[in-house]
Amino acid sequence: MNPSFGPVLLFALAQMVWSPAGAVLSPSDPLDRGYRQMYDLQFPEAHATFRSYEDLHPGDPLGPTSDAAAYLFGEFDRLGVLQTELFVDDQAFKHWKKPAPDPAVREAFQQALAKSNEEADAVLQESADDRNALLAKVFDLGLQADYLSLIEKRNLAALGYTKQGGLLAQKLLAVAPNSYDAYLAVGVENYMLGLRSAPERWIFRLYGAEADKDRGIRNLELTAEKGHYLLPLARLLLAVAALRDNDRNHARELLEGLAKEFPNNRLYQTELSRLR
């Protein structure tokens, strides 16, 4: 499996208001609604929701960060990236043909990330420990890593962003230990790299990466249990981990919950049909 799937995407928390741990994404909250639309593959609606949020909250980096996430997930869906990346064996992935990304989407994605980083840096200049700005930057790094790795297949280039995101996530967790979405950034790096062979893990450690599969699972479980915006993504990754460990019952349980919550997402339905 590709070692650089993460700190995958998405973010949270408007201004300094933090959502309750493990809370369901609410249709009435602007950011929640956008993420629900994105997870349910309603990308035009998600973009409209996130841009409306930006208009109402100028200078908040989570607006453009979220819009960038919608661009990335849209490309994932169009290119079938998650199906290829997550639900095939390692040998199949090695021979996967590089997809052709949409240049216009890439430009819009990069513009949204640049805007988010500019706004986050402005906030951090005034308050170096602002958890909202730190979280936006953590996921900006994850989004960039995911694009490089999963769409362009530039794994070593992606690894640098993954490592930066993991370190920044650790800083955020030191400031705000209840920001459970940030555990995804730490967990993905450890889990994905922990699956590699011993020589590969040694090489990645030379680049400063951590490779501990069990630690990665524990961190993913924290986000899957207590996270908010990233809770559905953490549960998807745990379903993949269960499949790799031949625990089909646990994988089915996780996917059934996701399919029920996001009925328009074909990925969950497809994988469930295979399990059945």
Protein backbone atom coordinates (compact mmCIF):
# COMPACT_ATOMS: atom_id res chain seq x y z
CA MET A 1 0.00 0.00 0.00
CA ASN A 2 1.19 3.46 -0.79
CA PRO A 3 3.17 4.83 2.20
CA SER A 4 2.06 8.40 1.81
CA PHE A 5 -1.70 8.29 2.19
CA GLY A 6 -2.05 10.93 4.59
CA PRO A 7 -2.26 12.91 6.83
CA VAL A 8 -5.09 12.90 4.51
CA LEU A 9 -7.42 15.66 4.33
CA LEU A 10 -9.87 17.66 6.21
CA PHE A 11 -9.97 19.82 9.04
CA ALA A 12 -12.26 21.50 11.29
CA LEU A 13 -13.36 23.87 13.84
CA ALA A 14 -14.64 27.23 12.93
CA GLN A 15 -12.81 30.05 14.70
CA MET A 16 -12.07 28.78 18.24
CA VAL A 17 -15.21 26.69 18.58
CA TRP A 18 -14.40 23.00 18.86
CA SER A 19 -16.91 20.29 18.08
CA PRO A 20 -17.68 17.64 20.69
CA ALA A 21 -15.54 14.53 20.43
CA GLY A 22 -17.10 11.88 18.26
CA ALA A 23 -19.97 14.17 17.26
CA VAL A 24 -21.92 13.38 14.10
CA LEU A 25 -21.52 15.88 11.28
CA SER A 26 -24.51 18.17 11.63
CA PRO A 27 -26.52 19.33 8.59
CA SER A 28 -27.13 22.67 10.31
CA ASP A 29 -23.46 23.59 10.86
CA PRO A 30 -21.90 25.23 7.76
CA LEU A 31 -18.60 23.36 7.82
CA ASP A 32 -20.24 20.11 8.88
CA ARG A 33 -22.68 20.37 6.00
CA GLY A 34 -19.85 20.87 3.51
CA TYR A 35 -17.98 17.83 4.76
CA ARG A 36 -21.12 15.70 4.70
CA GLN A 37 -21.65 16.74 1.08
CA MET A 38 -18.04 15.98 0.23
CA TYR A 39 -18.06 12.52 1.84
CA ASP A 40 -21.33 11.84 0.01
CA LEU A 41 -19.72 12.78 -3.34
CA GLN A 42 -21.81 15.96 -3.76
CA PHE A 43 -18.85 18.07 -4.81
CA PRO A 44 -20.53 21.12 -6.43
CA GLU A 45 -22.69 21.47 -3.32
CA ALA A 46 -19.65 21.12 -1.05
CA HIS A 47 -17.74 23.83 -2.93
CA ALA A 48 -20.73 26.17 -2.67
CA THR A 49 -21.04 25.52 1.06
CA PHE A 50 -17.34 26.08 1.75
CA ARG A 51 -17.22 29.27 -0.30
CA SER A 52 -20.25 30.60 1.52
CA TYR A 53 -18.39 29.89 4.75
CA GLU A 54 -15.37 31.82 3.44
CA ASP A 55 -17.58 34.81 2.68
CA LEU A 56 -18.95 34.77 6.21
CA HIS A 57 -15.56 34.13 7.87
CA PRO A 58 -12.90 36.10 5.95
CA GLY A 59 -9.39 35.33 7.14
CA ASP A 60 -10.30 31.91 8.56
CA PRO A 61 -7.95 29.40 6.84
CA LEU A 62 -10.37 26.51 7.31
CA GLY A 63 -12.59 27.85 4.54
CA PRO A 64 -10.03 27.54 1.70
CA THR A 65 -8.56 24.40 3.29
CA SER A 66 -11.96 22.74 3.09
CA ASP A 67 -12.48 23.90 -0.48
CA ALA A 68 -9.10 22.37 -1.40
CA ALA A 69 -10.21 19.10 0.19
CA ALA A 70 -13.33 19.06 -1.97
CA TYR A 71 -11.18 19.48 -5.09
CA LEU A 72 -8.94 16.60 -4.01
CA PHE A 73 -11.80 14.25 -3.15
CA GLY A 74 -13.46 15.13 -6.44
CA GLU A 75 -10.33 14.03 -8.32
CA PHE A 76 -10.13 10.90 -6.19
CA ASP A 77 -13.66 10.02 -7.20
CA ARG A 78 -13.24 10.89 -10.88
CA LEU A 79 -10.03 8.88 -11.21
CA GLY A 80 -11.07 5.97 -8.98
CA VAL A 81 -8.03 6.60 -6.82
CA LEU A 82 -9.39 5.33 -3.51
CA GLN A 83 -10.67 2.12 -5.03
CA THR A 84 -7.27 1.45 -6.59
CA GLU A 85 -5.20 2.69 -3.66
CA LEU A 86 -7.02 1.16 -0.74
CA PHE A 87 -8.84 -1.96 -1.89
CA VAL A 88 -6.30 -3.84 -4.00
CA ASP A 89 -3.24 -5.81 -3.04
CA ASP A 90 0.23 -4.29 -3.03
CA GLN A 91 1.32 -5.94 -6.26
CA ALA A 92 -1.69 -4.54 -8.11
CA PHE A 93 -0.87 -1.08 -6.80
CA LYS A 94 2.72 -1.30 -8.05
CA HIS A 95 1.41 -1.86 -11.59
CA TRP A 96 -1.35 0.73 -11.37
CA LYS A 97 -1.29 3.09 -14.34
CA LYS A 98 -0.71 6.71 -13.37
CA PRO A 99 -3.99 8.65 -13.78
CA ALA A 100 -4.31 11.83 -15.81
CA PRO A 101 -5.19 14.67 -13.43
CA ASP A 102 -7.31 17.62 -14.53
CA PRO A 103 -5.00 20.67 -14.87
CA ALA A 104 -7.81 23.10 -14.03
CA VAL A 105 -8.64 21.21 -10.84
CA ARG A 106 -4.96 21.08 -9.89
CA GLU A 107 -4.66 24.86 -10.32
CA ALA A 108 -7.79 25.53 -8.24
CA PHE A 109 -6.58 23.08 -5.59
CA GLN A 110 -3.18 24.76 -5.33
CA GLN A 111 -4.76 28.22 -5.19
CA ALA A 112 -7.01 27.17 -2.32
CA LEU A 113 -4.03 25.73 -0.43
CA ALA A 114 -1.99 28.88 -1.00
CA LYS A 115 -4.83 31.04 0.32
CA SER A 116 -5.25 28.85 3.38
CA ASN A 117 -1.55 28.90 4.19
CA GLU A 118 -1.39 32.67 3.80
CA GLU A 119 -4.34 33.15 6.15
CA ALA A 120 -3.03 30.60 8.67
CA ASP A 121 0.42 32.21 8.71
CA ALA A 122 -1.15 35.61 9.36
CA VAL A 123 -3.01 34.19 12.37
CA LEU A 124 0.08 32.40 13.69
CA GLN A 125 2.14 35.58 13.52
CA GLU A 126 -0.24 37.03 16.09
CA SER A 127 -0.66 33.83 18.13
CA ALA A 128 1.86 31.03 17.53
CA ASP A 129 -0.28 28.41 19.29
CA ASP A 130 -3.62 29.20 17.62
CA ARG A 131 -5.09 25.72 17.31
CA ASN A 132 -7.46 26.63 14.49
CA ALA A 133 -4.61 27.87 12.28
CA LEU A 134 -2.35 24.96 13.26
CA LEU A 135 -5.04 22.46 12.33
CA ALA A 136 -5.58 24.10 8.96
CA LYS A 137 -1.85 23.89 8.22
CA VAL A 138 -1.69 20.24 9.33
CA PHE A 139 -4.31 19.31 6.81
CA ASP A 140 -2.95 21.56 4.10
CA LEU A 141 0.24 19.51 4.33
CA GLY A 142 -1.77 16.31 4.24
CA LEU A 143 -3.74 17.41 1.20
CA GLN A 144 -0.54 18.26 -0.64
CA ALA A 145 0.98 14.90 0.30
CA ASP A 146 -2.10 13.06 -0.90
CA TYR A 147 -2.14 14.85 -4.25
CA LEU A 148 1.56 14.14 -4.86
CA SER A 149 1.33 10.51 -3.81
CA LEU A 150 -2.09 9.31 -4.88
CA ILE A 151 -2.52 11.32 -8.07
CA GLU A 152 1.03 12.05 -9.26
CA LYS A 153 2.65 8.98 -7.61
CA ARG A 154 5.58 11.07 -6.36
CA ASN A 155 5.97 9.20 -3.10
CA LEU A 156 9.27 10.60 -1.85
CA ALA A 157 8.14 14.17 -2.54
CA ALA A 158 4.90 13.41 -0.70
CA LEU A 159 6.79 11.94 2.25
CA GLY A 160 8.32 15.32 3.08
CA TYR A 161 4.85 16.89 3.40
CA THR A 162 3.62 13.88 5.37
CA LYS A 163 6.45 14.25 7.88
CA GLN A 164 5.91 18.01 8.24
CA GLY A 165 2.21 17.39 8.83
CA GLY A 166 2.91 14.75 11.46
CA LEU A 167 5.31 17.02 13.36
CA LEU A 168 2.88 19.92 13.24
CA ALA A 169 0.07 17.62 14.40
CA GLN A 170 2.17 16.69 17.43
CA LYS A 171 2.63 20.39 18.20
CA LEU A 172 -1.11 20.93 17.90
CA LEU A 173 -1.86 17.98 20.18
CA ALA A 174 0.54 19.39 22.78
CA VAL A 175 -1.49 22.61 22.73
CA ALA A 176 -4.93 20.99 22.44
CA PRO A 177 -4.92 17.25 23.27
CA ASN A 178 -8.66 17.02 22.51
CA SER A 179 -8.18 17.81 18.81
CA TYR A 180 -8.70 14.17 17.92
CA ASP A 181 -8.82 14.78 14.18
CA ALA A 182 -5.08 15.54 14.35
CA TYR A 183 -4.32 11.97 15.45
CA LEU A 184 -5.09 10.89 11.90
CA ALA A 185 -1.99 12.72 10.67
CA VAL A 186 0.20 10.80 13.11
CA GLY A 187 -1.61 7.50 12.69
CA VAL A 188 -1.54 7.27 8.91
CA GLU A 189 2.20 7.78 8.67
CA ASN A 190 2.92 5.06 11.23
CA TYR A 191 0.39 2.57 9.88
CA MET A 192 1.17 2.91 6.19
CA LEU A 193 4.93 2.83 6.62
CA GLY A 194 4.62 0.01 9.13
CA LEU A 195 3.27 -2.18 6.34
CA ARG A 196 6.44 -1.85 4.30
CA SER A 197 9.29 -4.37 4.26
CA ALA A 198 12.12 -3.97 6.77
CA PRO A 199 14.58 -2.49 4.20
CA GLU A 200 11.93 -0.03 3.01
CA ARG A 201 11.15 1.04 6.60
CA TRP A 202 14.85 1.64 7.15
CA ILE A 203 15.03 3.85 4.05
CA PHE A 204 11.98 5.86 5.07
CA ARG A 205 13.39 6.33 8.57
CA LEU A 206 16.44 7.92 6.95
CA TYR A 207 14.01 10.57 5.74
CA GLY A 208 12.67 11.03 9.27
CA ALA A 209 9.48 8.99 8.87
CA GLU A 210 7.97 6.82 11.62
CA ALA A 211 6.90 3.27 10.81
CA ASP A 212 4.99 1.55 13.61
CA LYS A 213 1.87 -0.25 12.40
CA ASP A 214 0.38 -0.88 15.84
CA ARG A 215 0.87 2.71 16.96
CA GLY A 216 -0.71 3.85 13.71
CA ILE A 217 -3.80 1.72 14.36
CA ARG A 218 -4.17 3.13 17.88
CA ASN A 219 -4.05 6.70 16.58
CA LEU A 220 -6.54 5.93 13.80
CA GLU A 221 -8.87 4.42 16.40
CA LEU A 222 -8.72 7.64 18.42
CA THR A 223 -9.89 9.65 15.41
CA ALA A 224 -12.49 7.02 14.48
CA GLU A 225 -13.92 7.09 17.99
CA LYS A 226 -13.54 10.72 19.07
CA GLY A 227 -12.82 12.72 15.93
CA HIS A 228 -15.25 14.90 14.04
CA TYR A 229 -14.49 16.04 10.51
CA LEU A 230 -12.08 13.16 9.93
CA LEU A 231 -14.05 10.49 11.79
CA PRO A 232 -15.53 8.96 8.58
CA LEU A 233 -12.11 8.88 6.90
CA ALA A 234 -10.50 7.22 9.93
CA ARG A 235 -13.22 4.54 9.92
CA LEU A 236 -12.62 3.89 6.22
CA LEU A 237 -8.89 3.44 6.84
CA LEU A 238 -9.63 1.09 9.75
CA ALA A 239 -11.88 -0.93 7.44
CA VAL A 240 -8.97 -1.25 5.03
CA ALA A 241 -6.69 -2.29 7.90
CA ALA A 242 -9.22 -4.93 8.95
CA LEU A 243 -9.36 -6.31 5.41
CA ARG A 244 -5.58 -6.52 5.28
CA ASP A 245 -5.70 -8.48 8.54
CA ASN A 246 -8.44 -10.76 7.14
CA ASP A 247 -10.99 -9.47 9.66
CA ARG A 248 -13.88 -9.29 7.22
CA ASN A 249 -16.54 -8.96 9.92
CA HIS A 250 -15.02 -5.80 11.39
CA ALA A 251 -14.47 -4.36 7.92
CA ARG A 252 -18.10 -5.07 7.02
CA GLU A 253 -19.33 -3.45 10.23
CA LEU A 254 -17.36 -0.26 9.55
CA LEU A 255 -18.38 -0.07 5.91
CA GLU A 256 -22.04 -0.68 6.70
CA GLY A 257 -22.02 2.29 9.07
CA LEU A 258 -20.38 4.51 6.46
CA ALA A 259 -22.77 3.37 3.73
CA LYS A 260 -25.75 4.17 5.93
CA GLU A 261 -24.47 7.65 6.76
CA PHE A 262 -23.34 8.49 3.20
CA PRO A 263 -25.71 6.62 0.86
CA ASN A 264 -24.48 8.35 -2.31
CA ASN A 265 -20.89 7.19 -1.85
CA ARG A 266 -20.41 4.33 -4.30
CA LEU A 267 -17.11 3.20 -2.76
CA TYR A 268 -18.74 1.92 0.42
CA GLN A 269 -21.50 0.12 -1.46
CA THR A 270 -19.04 -1.49 -3.89
CA GLU A 271 -16.76 -2.84 -1.19
CA LEU A 272 -19.72 -4.07 0.87
CA SER A 273 -21.06 -6.00 -2.10
CA ARG A 274 -17.70 -7.73 -2.45
CA LEU A 275 -17.67 -8.66 1.22
CA ARG A 276 -21.18 -10.07 0.98
